[in-house]
Amino acid sequence: MISASGLRKSYGGVEAVKGVDLEVRAGEVFAFLGPNGAGKTTTVEILEGYRDRDGGEARVLGVDPVHPTRRWRSRIGIVLQSSKPDAYLTVRETLAEYAGFYPEPRPVNEIVERVGLADSADKRVGKLSGGQQRRLDVALALVGDPELVFLDEPTTGFDPSARRGAWELIAALRELGKTVFLTTHYMDEAQELADRVAIIRDGEIVAQGPPGELGGRSARHRIRFLLPRGVAAADLPLRPTDLRDRRVVIEVERPLEPLNRLTTWAIENGHDLTDLEVERPSLEDVYLELTEAPGE
């Protein structure tokens, strides 16, 4: 669905995108993560056909986005961080208006139902809540029946309940056979929704792959347990990374061998390791380690 190789873009003397390589497969939710100023927005705008690149190659739905056609644009849906449809039209009227721009739109009533706005279909857009507005944004992106949907920070400013509702909506896009390119600042959102993620820092991709696998290549595992009564930290076979109120944390790159040493020591000395657990690094752990500047 998306293939990019060596993408480059500069503004004056500043290189915002430095040889980005990406591949997005059909039917997946792909999350694009990075701090502000990392080159995330520039990369997405190049792929959407709204910004020219200085170098590299890109194909989106088999077409170079530098030369978009009306037919190509009808195959793509875009949900921006904010939009302002006519406040005086109803939800149904707004969708009907937008449907007229596409050669083969989906039925308006179907889209209204799909995004959970059936009870608000005849409500004026200006009277919608924030969560309903966001659902309308998604509906407008879907009404043309696109193959690929770009979602730009779709849940920014949502309360936890509204975010969960949006997650269900995004997951439903996969069930419709859509490919989703998601940008977000919420690591739990990417962890929950994405089949694969890419992390960009200073214009370069620093990690890419399934969320559950990124944790194995960067941030460290944590072994946690309660320090046995009568045992000092110096008696442990491994040096603790943190020790508070008898709660021991030991960070390791690979947990199998250190865990074996720890449990063997406990058995030989007759100690219980209460609340023993091994915590795999989360996507947020990996993200912070890869995007924080040295010394932060």
C-alpha atoms as a PDB file:
ATOM      1  CA  MET A   1       0.000   0.000   0.000  1.00  0.00           C
ATOM      2  CA  ILE A   2       2.871   2.367   0.840  1.00  0.00           C
ATOM      3  CA  SER A   3       6.497   1.997  -0.151  1.00  0.00           C
ATOM      4  CA  ALA A   4       9.054   4.709   0.530  1.00  0.00           C
ATOM      5  CA  SER A   5      12.797   4.594   0.111  1.00  0.00           C
ATOM      6  CA  GLY A   6      15.348   7.257   1.006  1.00  0.00           C
ATOM      7  CA  LEU A   7      12.794  10.062   1.483  1.00  0.00           C
ATOM      8  CA  ARG A   8      14.460  13.430   2.060  1.00  0.00           C
ATOM      9  CA  LYS A   9      13.106  16.914   2.686  1.00  0.00           C
ATOM     10  CA  SER A  10      14.874  20.091   3.793  1.00  0.00           C
ATOM     11  CA  TYR A  11      13.651  23.523   4.809  1.00  0.00           C
ATOM     12  CA  GLY A  12      16.409  26.022   4.201  1.00  0.00           C
ATOM     13  CA  GLY A  13      19.477  24.529   5.828  1.00  0.00           C
ATOM     14  CA  VAL A  14      17.527  22.155   8.054  1.00  0.00           C
ATOM     15  CA  GLU A  15      17.067  18.559   6.872  1.00  0.00           C
ATOM     16  CA  ALA A  16      13.713  17.517   8.339  1.00  0.00           C
ATOM     17  CA  VAL A  17      13.567  14.047   6.743  1.00  0.00           C
ATOM     18  CA  LYS A  18      16.826  12.152   6.267  1.00  0.00           C
ATOM     19  CA  GLY A  19      16.452   9.077   4.102  1.00  0.00           C
ATOM     20  CA  VAL A  20      13.271   7.553   5.528  1.00  0.00           C
ATOM     21  CA  ASP A  21      12.394   4.001   4.433  1.00  0.00           C
ATOM     22  CA  LEU A  22       8.848   2.717   5.066  1.00  0.00           C
ATOM     23  CA  GLU A  23       6.636  -0.108   3.924  1.00  0.00           C
ATOM     24  CA  VAL A  24       2.960  -0.437   4.853  1.00  0.00           C
ATOM     25  CA  ARG A  25       1.135  -3.655   3.993  1.00  0.00           C
ATOM     26  CA  ALA A  26      -2.441  -4.057   2.866  1.00  0.00           C
ATOM     27  CA  GLY A  27      -4.988  -4.477   5.658  1.00  0.00           C
ATOM     28  CA  GLU A  28      -2.743  -3.506   8.581  1.00  0.00           C
ATOM     29  CA  VAL A  29      -2.805  -0.683  11.093  1.00  0.00           C
ATOM     30  CA  PHE A  30       0.602   0.987  10.898  1.00  0.00           C
ATOM     31  CA  ALA A  31       1.519   3.468  13.643  1.00  0.00           C
ATOM     32  CA  PHE A  32       4.034   6.242  12.962  1.00  0.00           C
ATOM     33  CA  LEU A  33       5.518   7.580  16.188  1.00  0.00           C
ATOM     34  CA  GLY A  34       7.892  10.387  17.015  1.00  0.00           C
ATOM     35  CA  PRO A  35       8.314  13.540  19.108  1.00  0.00           C
ATOM     36  CA  ASN A  36       7.396  16.980  17.815  1.00  0.00           C
ATOM     37  CA  GLY A  37       9.897  18.149  15.216  1.00  0.00           C
ATOM     38  CA  ALA A  38      11.075  14.625  14.374  1.00  0.00           C
ATOM     39  CA  GLY A  39       9.892  14.801  10.748  1.00  0.00           C
ATOM     40  CA  LYS A  40       6.682  12.870  11.266  1.00  0.00           C
ATOM     41  CA  THR A  41       4.279  15.402   9.764  1.00  0.00           C
ATOM     42  CA  THR A  42       6.544  16.151   6.796  1.00  0.00           C
ATOM     43  CA  THR A  43       6.829  12.449   5.982  1.00  0.00           C
ATOM     44  CA  VAL A  44       3.066  11.944   6.161  1.00  0.00           C
ATOM     45  CA  GLU A  45       2.370  15.011   3.999  1.00  0.00           C
ATOM     46  CA  ILE A  46       4.775  13.677   1.353  1.00  0.00           C
ATOM     47  CA  LEU A  47       2.925  10.353   1.331  1.00  0.00           C
ATOM     48  CA  GLU A  48      -0.451  12.112   1.142  1.00  0.00           C
ATOM     49  CA  GLY A  49       0.686  14.101  -1.884  1.00  0.00           C
ATOM     50  CA  TYR A  50       0.549  17.495  -0.166  1.00  0.00           C
ATOM     51  CA  ARG A  51       4.289  18.147   0.011  1.00  0.00           C
ATOM     52  CA  ASP A  52       7.062  17.563  -2.537  1.00  0.00           C
ATOM     53  CA  ARG A  53      10.147  15.621  -1.528  1.00  0.00           C
ATOM     54  CA  ASP A  54      13.742  16.592  -2.244  1.00  0.00           C
ATOM     55  CA  GLY A  55      14.940  13.049  -2.768  1.00  0.00           C
ATOM     56  CA  GLY A  56      14.081   9.380  -2.568  1.00  0.00           C
ATOM     57  CA  GLU A  57      11.225   7.334  -3.986  1.00  0.00           C
ATOM     58  CA  ALA A  58       7.617   6.860  -2.866  1.00  0.00           C
ATOM     59  CA  ARG A  59       4.672   4.837  -4.059  1.00  0.00           C
ATOM     60  CA  VAL A  60       1.244   5.037  -2.439  1.00  0.00           C
ATOM     61  CA  LEU A  61      -1.343   2.659  -3.895  1.00  0.00           C
ATOM     62  CA  GLY A  62       1.120   2.180  -6.732  1.00  0.00           C
ATOM     63  CA  VAL A  63       1.244   5.884  -7.627  1.00  0.00           C
ATOM     64  CA  ASP A  64       3.951   8.460  -7.020  1.00  0.00           C
ATOM     65  CA  PRO A  65       2.222  11.006  -4.730  1.00  0.00           C
ATOM     66  CA  VAL A  66       4.057  13.822  -6.507  1.00  0.00           C
ATOM     67  CA  HIS A  67       1.660  13.226  -9.406  1.00  0.00           C
ATOM     68  CA  PRO A  68      -1.741  12.655  -7.759  1.00  0.00           C
ATOM     69  CA  THR A  69      -4.819  12.110  -9.854  1.00  0.00           C
ATOM     70  CA  ARG A  70      -8.432  12.626  -8.878  1.00  0.00           C
ATOM     71  CA  ARG A  71      -8.979   8.868  -8.991  1.00  0.00           C
ATOM     72  CA  TRP A  72      -5.960   8.277  -6.744  1.00  0.00           C
ATOM     73  CA  ARG A  73      -7.197  10.800  -4.193  1.00  0.00           C
ATOM     74  CA  SER A  74     -10.600   9.100  -4.106  1.00  0.00           C
ATOM     75  CA  ARG A  75      -8.848   5.923  -2.913  1.00  0.00           C
ATOM     76  CA  ILE A  76      -7.393   7.700   0.133  1.00  0.00           C
ATOM     77  CA  GLY A  77      -9.171   8.964   3.263  1.00  0.00           C
ATOM     78  CA  ILE A  78      -7.545  11.538   5.528  1.00  0.00           C
ATOM     79  CA  VAL A  79      -8.520  12.435   9.097  1.00  0.00           C
ATOM     80  CA  LEU A  80      -6.716  15.615  10.137  1.00  0.00           C
ATOM     81  CA  GLN A  81      -6.162  16.695  13.743  1.00  0.00           C
ATOM     82  CA  SER A  82      -9.080  19.096  13.321  1.00  0.00           C
ATOM     83  CA  SER A  83     -11.591  19.976  10.633  1.00  0.00           C
ATOM     84  CA  LYS A  84     -14.457  22.433  10.270  1.00  0.00           C
ATOM     85  CA  PRO A  85     -17.389  21.153   8.240  1.00  0.00           C
ATOM     86  CA  ASP A  86     -20.396  23.465   7.951  1.00  0.00           C
ATOM     87  CA  ALA A  87     -21.794  23.818  11.477  1.00  0.00           C
ATOM     88  CA  TYR A  88     -25.344  24.403  10.206  1.00  0.00           C
ATOM     89  CA  LEU A  89     -25.652  21.171   8.210  1.00  0.00           C
ATOM     90  CA  THR A  90     -26.731  17.959   9.888  1.00  0.00           C
ATOM     91  CA  VAL A  91     -24.448  14.927  10.068  1.00  0.00           C
ATOM     92  CA  ARG A  92     -26.448  13.239   7.320  1.00  0.00           C
ATOM     93  CA  GLU A  93     -26.409  16.325   5.095  1.00  0.00           C
ATOM     94  CA  THR A  94     -22.677  16.775   5.577  1.00  0.00           C
ATOM     95  CA  LEU A  95     -21.944  13.198   4.583  1.00  0.00           C
ATOM     96  CA  ALA A  96     -24.259  13.424   1.580  1.00  0.00           C
ATOM     97  CA  GLU A  97     -22.435  16.567   0.441  1.00  0.00           C
ATOM     98  CA  TYR A  98     -19.014  14.908   0.721  1.00  0.00           C
ATOM     99  CA  ALA A  99     -20.255  11.701  -0.904  1.00  0.00           C
ATOM    100  CA  GLY A 100     -20.989  13.744  -4.031  1.00  0.00           C
ATOM    101  CA  PHE A 101     -17.265  14.380  -4.469  1.00  0.00           C
ATOM    102  CA  TYR A 102     -16.442  10.690  -5.004  1.00  0.00           C
ATOM    103  CA  PRO A 103     -17.071   8.349  -7.951  1.00  0.00           C
ATOM    104  CA  GLU A 104     -18.200   5.362  -5.853  1.00  0.00           C
ATOM    105  CA  PRO A 105     -19.166   6.488  -2.334  1.00  0.00           C
ATOM    106  CA  ARG A 106     -20.495   4.194   0.349  1.00  0.00           C
ATOM    107  CA  PRO A 107     -24.148   4.702   1.352  1.00  0.00           C
ATOM    108  CA  VAL A 108     -24.492   7.566   3.818  1.00  0.00           C
ATOM    109  CA  ASN A 109     -26.726   5.615   6.203  1.00  0.00           C
ATOM    110  CA  GLU A 110     -24.202   2.780   6.299  1.00  0.00           C
ATOM    111  CA  ILE A 111     -21.372   5.144   7.227  1.00  0.00           C
ATOM    112  CA  VAL A 112     -23.498   6.862   9.881  1.00  0.00           C
ATOM    113  CA  GLU A 113     -24.192   3.491  11.453  1.00  0.00           C
ATOM    114  CA  ARG A 114     -20.608   2.312  11.126  1.00  0.00           C
ATOM    115  CA  VAL A 115     -19.116   5.259  13.042  1.00  0.00           C
ATOM    116  CA  GLY A 116     -21.743   5.214  15.773  1.00  0.00           C
ATOM    117  CA  LEU A 117     -23.623   8.398  14.813  1.00  0.00           C
ATOM    118  CA  ALA A 118     -27.003   6.880  13.978  1.00  0.00           C
ATOM    119  CA  ASP A 119     -28.660   8.631  16.944  1.00  0.00           C
ATOM    120  CA  SER A 120     -27.119  11.957  15.899  1.00  0.00           C
ATOM    121  CA  ALA A 121     -27.606  11.715  12.141  1.00  0.00           C
ATOM    122  CA  ASP A 122     -30.073  14.637  12.078  1.00  0.00           C
ATOM    123  CA  LYS A 123     -28.215  16.776  14.598  1.00  0.00           C
ATOM    124  CA  ARG A 124     -26.464  19.892  13.346  1.00  0.00           C
ATOM    125  CA  VAL A 125     -22.684  19.560  13.230  1.00  0.00           C
ATOM    126  CA  GLY A 126     -22.237  22.601  15.462  1.00  0.00           C
ATOM    127  CA  LYS A 127     -24.176  20.847  18.235  1.00  0.00           C
ATOM    128  CA  LEU A 128     -22.022  17.701  18.305  1.00  0.00           C
ATOM    129  CA  SER A 129     -19.801  16.846  21.254  1.00  0.00           C
ATOM    130  CA  GLY A 130     -16.037  16.583  20.797  1.00  0.00           C
ATOM    131  CA  GLY A 131     -16.195  12.805  20.526  1.00  0.00           C
ATOM    132  CA  GLN A 132     -19.043  12.982  18.025  1.00  0.00           C
ATOM    133  CA  GLN A 133     -17.123  15.550  15.981  1.00  0.00           C
ATOM    134  CA  ARG A 134     -14.196  13.150  15.773  1.00  0.00           C
ATOM    135  CA  ARG A 135     -16.488  10.347  14.658  1.00  0.00           C
ATOM    136  CA  LEU A 136     -17.796  12.633  11.950  1.00  0.00           C
ATOM    137  CA  ASP A 137     -14.210  13.312  10.838  1.00  0.00           C
ATOM    138  CA  VAL A 138     -13.707   9.564  10.427  1.00  0.00           C
ATOM    139  CA  ALA A 139     -17.042   9.242   8.635  1.00  0.00           C
ATOM    140  CA  LEU A 140     -16.006  11.938   6.149  1.00  0.00           C
ATOM    141  CA  ALA A 141     -12.786  10.042   5.473  1.00  0.00           C
ATOM    142  CA  LEU A 142     -14.724   6.798   4.895  1.00  0.00           C
ATOM    143  CA  VAL A 143     -17.603   8.038   2.773  1.00  0.00           C
ATOM    144  CA  GLY A 144     -15.548   7.783  -0.423  1.00  0.00           C
ATOM    145  CA  ASP A 145     -14.816   4.107   0.359  1.00  0.00           C
ATOM    146  CA  PRO A 146     -11.020   4.542   0.456  1.00  0.00           C
ATOM    147  CA  GLU A 147      -8.524   1.704   0.513  1.00  0.00           C
ATOM    148  CA  LEU A 148      -6.058   3.632   2.681  1.00  0.00           C
ATOM    149  CA  VAL A 149      -6.899   5.887   5.641  1.00  0.00           C
ATOM    150  CA  PHE A 150      -4.484   8.373   7.225  1.00  0.00           C
ATOM    151  CA  LEU A 151      -5.388   9.152  10.853  1.00  0.00           C
ATOM    152  CA  ASP A 152      -3.506  12.125  12.320  1.00  0.00           C
ATOM    153  CA  GLU A 153      -3.606  12.157  16.145  1.00  0.00           C
ATOM    154  CA  PRO A 154      -7.233  10.910  16.139  1.00  0.00           C
ATOM    155  CA  THR A 155      -7.766  10.927  19.929  1.00  0.00           C
ATOM    156  CA  THR A 156      -5.886  14.040  21.050  1.00  0.00           C
ATOM    157  CA  GLY A 157      -7.863  15.763  23.809  1.00  0.00           C
ATOM    158  CA  PHE A 158     -10.235  12.828  24.364  1.00  0.00           C
ATOM    159  CA  ASP A 159     -11.173  11.626  27.830  1.00  0.00           C
ATOM    160  CA  PRO A 160     -10.426   7.926  28.544  1.00  0.00           C
ATOM    161  CA  SER A 161     -13.942   6.786  27.656  1.00  0.00           C
ATOM    162  CA  ALA A 162     -13.959   8.645  24.342  1.00  0.00           C
ATOM    163  CA  ARG A 163     -10.509   7.296  23.513  1.00  0.00           C
ATOM    164  CA  ARG A 164     -11.677   3.722  24.024  1.00  0.00           C
ATOM    165  CA  GLY A 165     -14.620   4.385  21.740  1.00  0.00           C
ATOM    166  CA  ALA A 166     -12.274   5.760  19.093  1.00  0.00           C
ATOM    167  CA  TRP A 167     -10.070   2.686  19.425  1.00  0.00           C
ATOM    168  CA  GLU A 168     -13.044   0.460  18.687  1.00  0.00           C
ATOM    169  CA  LEU A 169     -13.787   2.564  15.622  1.00  0.00           C
ATOM    170  CA  ILE A 170     -10.200   2.328  14.374  1.00  0.00           C
ATOM    171  CA  ALA A 171     -10.148  -1.425  14.953  1.00  0.00           C
ATOM    172  CA  ALA A 172     -13.364  -1.662  12.924  1.00  0.00           C
ATOM    173  CA  LEU A 173     -11.575  -0.087   9.947  1.00  0.00           C
ATOM    174  CA  ARG A 174      -9.349  -3.159   9.801  1.00  0.00           C
ATOM    175  CA  GLU A 175     -12.456  -5.333   9.723  1.00  0.00           C
ATOM    176  CA  LEU A 176     -13.646  -3.323   6.722  1.00  0.00           C
ATOM    177  CA  GLY A 177     -10.447  -4.253   4.935  1.00  0.00           C
ATOM    178  CA  LYS A 178      -8.961  -0.762   5.186  1.00  0.00           C
ATOM    179  CA  THR A 179      -5.279  -0.066   5.610  1.00  0.00           C
ATOM    180  CA  VAL A 180      -4.681   2.518   8.352  1.00  0.00           C
ATOM    181  CA  PHE A 181      -1.661   4.818   8.710  1.00  0.00           C
ATOM    182  CA  LEU A 182      -1.899   6.169  12.259  1.00  0.00           C
ATOM    183  CA  THR A 183       0.124   8.958  13.853  1.00  0.00           C
ATOM    184  CA  THR A 184      -0.229   9.277  17.609  1.00  0.00           C
ATOM    185  CA  HIS A 185       1.540  10.503  20.739  1.00  0.00           C
ATOM    186  CA  TYR A 186      -0.122   7.827  22.886  1.00  0.00           C
ATOM    187  CA  MET A 187       2.020   4.718  23.236  1.00  0.00           C
ATOM    188  CA  ASP A 188      -0.820   2.656  24.704  1.00  0.00           C
ATOM    189  CA  GLU A 189      -2.861   3.535  21.612  1.00  0.00           C
ATOM    190  CA  ALA A 190      -0.164   2.242  19.271  1.00  0.00           C
ATOM    191  CA  GLN A 191       0.373  -0.825  21.460  1.00  0.00           C
ATOM    192  CA  GLU A 192      -3.348  -1.613  21.393  1.00  0.00           C
ATOM    193  CA  LEU A 193      -4.116  -0.936  17.732  1.00  0.00           C
ATOM    194  CA  ALA A 194      -1.036  -1.293  15.556  1.00  0.00           C
ATOM    195  CA  ASP A 195       0.167  -4.381  13.746  1.00  0.00           C
ATOM    196  CA  ARG A 196       3.497  -2.642  13.191  1.00  0.00           C
ATOM    197  CA  VAL A 197       5.057   0.647  14.244  1.00  0.00           C
ATOM    198  CA  ALA A 198       7.881   2.889  13.086  1.00  0.00           C
ATOM    199  CA  ILE A 199       9.631   5.377  15.385  1.00  0.00           C
ATOM    200  CA  ILE A 200      11.217   8.465  13.854  1.00  0.00           C
ATOM    201  CA  ARG A 201      13.768  10.719  15.550  1.00  0.00           C
ATOM    202  CA  ASP A 202      15.594  13.685  14.013  1.00  0.00           C
ATOM    203  CA  GLY A 203      14.302  12.773  10.559  1.00  0.00           C
ATOM    204  CA  GLU A 204      15.444   9.137  10.674  1.00  0.00           C
ATOM    205  CA  ILE A 205      13.677   5.863  11.423  1.00  0.00           C
ATOM    206  CA  VAL A 206      15.289   4.420  14.557  1.00  0.00           C
ATOM    207  CA  ALA A 207      13.079   1.335  14.991  1.00  0.00           C
ATOM    208  CA  GLN A 208      10.411  -0.493  13.022  1.00  0.00           C
ATOM    209  CA  GLY A 209       8.410  -3.677  13.563  1.00  0.00           C
ATOM    210  CA  PRO A 210       5.546  -5.217  15.593  1.00  0.00           C
ATOM    211  CA  PRO A 211       5.028  -3.393  18.935  1.00  0.00           C
ATOM    212  CA  GLY A 212       5.698  -6.522  20.966  1.00  0.00           C
ATOM    213  CA  GLU A 213       9.035  -7.152  19.277  1.00  0.00           C
ATOM    214  CA  LEU A 214      10.518  -3.675  19.560  1.00  0.00           C
ATOM    215  CA  GLY A 215      10.893  -4.158  23.291  1.00  0.00           C
ATOM    216  CA  GLY A 216      13.356  -6.976  22.723  1.00  0.00           C
ATOM    217  CA  ARG A 217      15.869  -4.836  20.872  1.00  0.00           C
ATOM    218  CA  SER A 218      16.282  -1.747  23.050  1.00  0.00           C
ATOM    219  CA  ALA A 219      14.873  -1.145  26.532  1.00  0.00           C
ATOM    220  CA  ARG A 220      15.800  -3.589  29.295  1.00  0.00           C
ATOM    221  CA  HIS A 221      13.673  -6.222  31.033  1.00  0.00           C
ATOM    222  CA  ARG A 222      12.910  -5.744  34.719  1.00  0.00           C
ATOM    223  CA  ILE A 223      13.009  -8.551  37.283  1.00  0.00           C
ATOM    224  CA  ARG A 224      10.935  -7.602  40.346  1.00  0.00           C
ATOM    225  CA  PHE A 225      10.490  -9.298  43.735  1.00  0.00           C
ATOM    226  CA  LEU A 226      10.374  -8.608  47.486  1.00  0.00           C
ATOM    227  CA  LEU A 227      13.722  -8.824  49.255  1.00  0.00           C
ATOM    228  CA  PRO A 228      13.572 -11.831  51.652  1.00  0.00           C
ATOM    229  CA  ARG A 229      13.549 -11.027  55.365  1.00  0.00           C
ATOM    230  CA  GLY A 230      17.016 -10.995  56.866  1.00  0.00           C
ATOM    231  CA  VAL A 231      18.704 -10.641  53.477  1.00  0.00           C
ATOM    232  CA  ALA A 232      20.724  -7.553  52.531  1.00  0.00           C
ATOM    233  CA  ALA A 233      20.926  -6.261  48.988  1.00  0.00           C
ATOM    234  CA  ALA A 234      24.627  -7.104  48.963  1.00  0.00           C
ATOM    235  CA  ASP A 235      23.730 -10.787  49.532  1.00  0.00           C
ATOM    236  CA  LEU A 236      21.846 -11.036  46.244  1.00  0.00           C
ATOM    237  CA  PRO A 237      23.595 -12.696  43.283  1.00  0.00           C
ATOM    238  CA  LEU A 238      22.604  -9.720  41.089  1.00  0.00           C
ATOM    239  CA  ARG A 239      23.083  -6.026  41.746  1.00  0.00           C
ATOM    240  CA  PRO A 240      19.708  -4.250  42.177  1.00  0.00           C
ATOM    241  CA  THR A 241      18.926  -1.339  39.893  1.00  0.00           C
ATOM    242  CA  ASP A 242      16.444  -0.031  42.440  1.00  0.00           C
ATOM    243  CA  LEU A 243      15.472  -0.983  46.017  1.00  0.00           C
ATOM    244  CA  ARG A 244      12.636   0.698  47.902  1.00  0.00           C
ATOM    245  CA  ASP A 245      10.700  -0.723  50.849  1.00  0.00           C
ATOM    246  CA  ARG A 246      12.157  -4.190  50.155  1.00  0.00           C
ATOM    247  CA  ARG A 247      10.914  -4.017  46.550  1.00  0.00           C
ATOM    248  CA  VAL A 248      13.813  -5.028  44.343  1.00  0.00           C
ATOM    249  CA  VAL A 249      14.127  -4.098  40.671  1.00  0.00           C
ATOM    250  CA  ILE A 250      16.918  -5.571  38.565  1.00  0.00           C
ATOM    251  CA  GLU A 251      17.228  -4.437  34.945  1.00  0.00           C
ATOM    252  CA  VAL A 252      18.763  -6.857  32.459  1.00  0.00           C
ATOM    253  CA  GLU A 253      19.035  -7.091  28.677  1.00  0.00           C
ATOM    254  CA  ARG A 254      18.061 -10.769  28.508  1.00  0.00           C
ATOM    255  CA  PRO A 255      16.262 -12.225  31.518  1.00  0.00           C
ATOM    256  CA  LEU A 256      16.803 -15.988  31.184  1.00  0.00           C
ATOM    257  CA  GLU A 257      20.346 -16.364  32.582  1.00  0.00           C
ATOM    258  CA  PRO A 258      19.994 -13.730  35.368  1.00  0.00           C
ATOM    259  CA  LEU A 259      16.650 -15.224  36.400  1.00  0.00           C
ATOM    260  CA  ASN A 260      18.238 -18.680  36.569  1.00  0.00           C
ATOM    261  CA  ARG A 261      21.043 -17.344  38.810  1.00  0.00           C
ATOM    262  CA  LEU A 262      18.538 -15.625  41.082  1.00  0.00           C
ATOM    263  CA  THR A 263      16.194 -18.590  41.512  1.00  0.00           C
ATOM    264  CA  THR A 264      19.104 -21.023  41.963  1.00  0.00           C
ATOM    265  CA  TRP A 265      20.495 -18.764  44.717  1.00  0.00           C
ATOM    266  CA  ALA A 266      17.073 -18.577  46.404  1.00  0.00           C
ATOM    267  CA  ILE A 267      16.579 -22.356  46.347  1.00  0.00           C
ATOM    268  CA  GLU A 268      20.070 -23.090  47.644  1.00  0.00           C
ATOM    269  CA  ASN A 269      19.663 -20.613  50.512  1.00  0.00           C
ATOM    270  CA  GLY A 270      16.061 -21.446  51.367  1.00  0.00           C
ATOM    271  CA  HIS A 271      14.611 -18.048  50.424  1.00  0.00           C
ATOM    272  CA  ASP A 272      11.228 -17.249  48.912  1.00  0.00           C
ATOM    273  CA  LEU A 273      11.114 -14.640  46.152  1.00  0.00           C
ATOM    274  CA  THR A 274       7.690 -13.201  46.894  1.00  0.00           C
ATOM    275  CA  ASP A 275       5.917 -11.426  44.002  1.00  0.00           C
ATOM    276  CA  LEU A 276       8.613 -12.502  41.546  1.00  0.00           C
ATOM    277  CA  GLU A 277       7.842 -11.268  38.042  1.00  0.00           C
ATOM    278  CA  VAL A 278       9.642 -10.412  34.824  1.00  0.00           C
ATOM    279  CA  GLU A 279       8.392  -7.280  33.100  1.00  0.00           C
ATOM    280  CA  ARG A 280       9.013  -7.018  29.408  1.00  0.00           C
ATOM    281  CA  PRO A 281       9.784  -3.469  28.223  1.00  0.00           C
ATOM    282  CA  SER A 282       6.676  -1.730  26.938  1.00  0.00           C
ATOM    283  CA  LEU A 283       6.446   0.189  23.700  1.00  0.00           C
ATOM    284  CA  GLU A 284       6.593   3.365  25.789  1.00  0.00           C
ATOM    285  CA  ASP A 285       9.865   2.231  27.378  1.00  0.00           C
ATOM    286  CA  VAL A 286      11.357   1.608  23.947  1.00  0.00           C
ATOM    287  CA  TYR A 287      10.021   4.866  22.566  1.00  0.00           C
ATOM    288  CA  LEU A 288      11.478   6.943  25.404  1.00  0.00           C
ATOM    289  CA  GLU A 289      14.846   5.242  25.156  1.00  0.00           C
ATOM    290  CA  LEU A 290      15.032   5.740  21.389  1.00  0.00           C
ATOM    291  CA  THR A 291      13.760   9.320  21.250  1.00  0.00           C
ATOM    292  CA  GLU A 292      15.296  10.961  24.309  1.00  0.00           C
ATOM    293  CA  ALA A 293      18.396  12.984  23.539  1.00  0.00           C
ATOM    294  CA  PRO A 294      21.608  11.940  25.331  1.00  0.00           C
ATOM    295  CA  GLY A 295      21.706  13.322  28.843  1.00  0.00           C
ATOM    296  CA  GLU A 296      17.910  13.711  29.186  1.00  0.00           C
END
